[in-house]
């Protein structure tokens, strides 16, 4: 994963509300960033469910 400065802001925003808009120029990695965030949140949810 490529480190991104905005990733922390996105994570904090999604902790406050259910949606976020990624706006930027073409071919800068918006979709990749969104998919990585979904993957990280999905992994966290799976790990949280393991304790049941």
N, C-alpha and C. Protein backbone atom coordinates (compact mmCIF):
# COMPACT_ATOMS: atom_id res chain seq x y z
N UNK A 1 0.84 -1.18 0.00
CA UNK A 1 0.00 0.00 0.00
C UNK A 1 0.89 1.24 0.00
N UNK A 2 0.53 2.20 -0.79
CA UNK A 2 1.26 3.46 -0.86
C UNK A 2 0.78 4.37 0.27
N UNK A 3 1.69 4.90 1.10
CA UNK A 3 1.24 5.80 2.17
C UNK A 3 0.65 7.08 1.57
N UNK A 4 -0.47 7.48 2.11
CA UNK A 4 -1.13 8.69 1.63
C UNK A 4 -1.41 9.62 2.81
N UNK A 5 -1.17 10.89 2.61
CA UNK A 5 -1.38 11.87 3.68
C UNK A 5 -2.85 12.02 4.03
N UNK A 6 -3.72 11.81 3.08
CA UNK A 6 -5.15 12.04 3.28
C UNK A 6 -5.84 10.83 3.93
N UNK A 7 -5.18 9.69 3.99
CA UNK A 7 -5.81 8.48 4.51
C UNK A 7 -6.33 8.67 5.94
N UNK A 8 -5.58 9.34 6.78
CA UNK A 8 -6.01 9.57 8.16
C UNK A 8 -7.27 10.42 8.20
N UNK A 9 -7.32 11.44 7.35
CA UNK A 9 -8.51 12.30 7.31
C UNK A 9 -9.73 11.53 6.85
N UNK A 10 -9.55 10.64 5.90
CA UNK A 10 -10.67 9.82 5.42
C UNK A 10 -11.15 8.89 6.53
N UNK A 11 -10.23 8.25 7.21
CA UNK A 11 -10.59 7.35 8.31
C UNK A 11 -11.37 8.10 9.39
N UNK A 12 -10.90 9.27 9.76
CA UNK A 12 -11.58 10.06 10.78
C UNK A 12 -12.97 10.49 10.31
N UNK A 13 -13.07 10.87 9.05
CA UNK A 13 -14.37 11.27 8.50
C UNK A 13 -15.36 10.13 8.50
N UNK A 14 -14.89 8.94 8.13
CA UNK A 14 -15.78 7.78 8.09
C UNK A 14 -16.15 7.30 9.49
N UNK A 15 -15.35 7.64 10.48
CA UNK A 15 -15.74 7.33 11.86
C UNK A 15 -16.89 8.23 12.32
N UNK A 16 -16.98 9.43 11.73
CA UNK A 16 -18.03 10.38 12.10
C UNK A 16 -19.31 10.18 11.32
N UNK A 17 -19.21 9.77 10.05
CA UNK A 17 -20.40 9.60 9.21
C UNK A 17 -20.18 8.44 8.25
N UNK A 18 -21.25 8.00 7.61
CA UNK A 18 -21.22 6.77 6.81
C UNK A 18 -20.66 6.94 5.41
N UNK A 19 -20.51 8.16 4.93
CA UNK A 19 -20.07 8.35 3.54
C UNK A 19 -19.02 9.45 3.46
N UNK A 20 -18.19 9.34 2.45
CA UNK A 20 -17.20 10.38 2.16
C UNK A 20 -17.04 10.48 0.66
N UNK A 21 -16.77 11.66 0.17
CA UNK A 21 -16.55 11.87 -1.27
C UNK A 21 -15.06 12.05 -1.52
N UNK A 22 -14.55 11.32 -2.48
CA UNK A 22 -13.15 11.46 -2.89
C UNK A 22 -13.15 12.23 -4.21
N UNK A 23 -12.64 13.43 -4.18
CA UNK A 23 -12.63 14.29 -5.36
C UNK A 23 -11.19 14.57 -5.72
N UNK A 24 -10.88 14.43 -7.00
CA UNK A 24 -9.52 14.71 -7.44
C UNK A 24 -9.37 14.50 -8.93
N UNK A 25 -8.20 14.79 -9.41
CA UNK A 25 -7.91 14.65 -10.84
C UNK A 25 -7.96 13.19 -11.26
N UNK A 26 -7.95 12.97 -12.56
CA UNK A 26 -7.96 11.60 -13.08
C UNK A 26 -6.62 10.91 -12.78
N UNK A 27 -6.71 9.62 -12.58
CA UNK A 27 -5.53 8.77 -12.41
C UNK A 27 -4.64 9.15 -11.23
N UNK A 28 -5.26 9.53 -10.12
CA UNK A 28 -4.47 9.84 -8.93
C UNK A 28 -4.66 8.80 -7.83
N UNK A 29 -5.53 7.79 -8.06
CA UNK A 29 -5.69 6.71 -7.10
C UNK A 29 -6.90 6.80 -6.19
N UNK A 30 -7.92 7.52 -6.59
CA UNK A 30 -9.12 7.65 -5.75
C UNK A 30 -9.78 6.29 -5.51
N UNK A 31 -9.97 5.52 -6.57
CA UNK A 31 -10.62 4.22 -6.44
C UNK A 31 -9.75 3.27 -5.62
N UNK A 32 -8.46 3.28 -5.86
CA UNK A 32 -7.55 2.42 -5.09
C UNK A 32 -7.60 2.77 -3.62
N UNK A 33 -7.59 4.04 -3.30
CA UNK A 33 -7.68 4.49 -1.91
C UNK A 33 -8.98 4.03 -1.27
N UNK A 34 -10.09 4.17 -1.98
CA UNK A 34 -11.39 3.75 -1.46
C UNK A 34 -11.41 2.24 -1.22
N UNK A 35 -10.91 1.47 -2.16
CA UNK A 35 -10.89 0.01 -2.01
C UNK A 35 -9.99 -0.43 -0.86
N UNK A 36 -8.87 0.25 -0.67
CA UNK A 36 -7.99 -0.07 0.45
C UNK A 36 -8.68 0.22 1.77
N UNK A 37 -9.38 1.33 1.86
CA UNK A 37 -10.09 1.68 3.09
C UNK A 37 -11.20 0.68 3.39
N UNK A 38 -11.93 0.28 2.36
CA UNK A 38 -12.98 -0.73 2.54
C UNK A 38 -12.36 -2.04 3.03
N UNK A 39 -11.25 -2.41 2.44
CA UNK A 39 -10.56 -3.64 2.86
C UNK A 39 -10.10 -3.57 4.29
N UNK A 40 -9.55 -2.44 4.71
CA UNK A 40 -9.08 -2.29 6.08
C UNK A 40 -10.23 -2.33 7.06
N UNK A 41 -11.34 -1.68 6.71
CA UNK A 41 -12.50 -1.68 7.61
C UNK A 41 -13.13 -3.07 7.67
N UNK A 42 -13.14 -3.77 6.55
CA UNK A 42 -13.68 -5.13 6.53
C UNK A 42 -12.85 -6.07 7.39
N UNK A 43 -11.53 -5.93 7.32
CA UNK A 43 -10.63 -6.76 8.12
C UNK A 43 -10.84 -6.47 9.60
N UNK A 44 -10.99 -5.20 9.95
CA UNK A 44 -11.22 -4.82 11.34
C UNK A 44 -12.54 -5.40 11.84
N UNK A 45 -13.57 -5.38 10.99
CA UNK A 45 -14.87 -5.93 11.38
C UNK A 45 -14.78 -7.45 11.57
N UNK A 46 -14.05 -8.11 10.69
CA UNK A 46 -13.87 -9.56 10.83
C UNK A 46 -13.15 -9.89 12.12
N UNK A 47 -12.11 -9.14 12.42
CA UNK A 47 -11.34 -9.39 13.65
C UNK A 47 -12.19 -9.11 14.88
N UNK A 48 -13.05 -8.12 14.83
CA UNK A 48 -13.92 -7.82 15.95
C UNK A 48 -14.90 -8.95 16.20
N UNK A 49 -15.34 -9.61 15.15
CA UNK A 49 -16.27 -10.72 15.26
C UNK A 49 -15.64 -12.00 15.76
N UNK A 50 -14.31 -12.09 15.72
CA UNK A 50 -13.61 -13.31 16.16
C UNK A 50 -13.74 -13.54 17.65
N UNK A 51 -13.95 -12.47 18.41
CA UNK A 51 -14.02 -12.60 19.85
C UNK A 51 -15.33 -13.14 20.37
N UNK A 52 -16.26 -13.42 19.49
CA UNK A 52 -17.59 -13.90 19.92
C UNK A 52 -17.55 -15.32 20.39
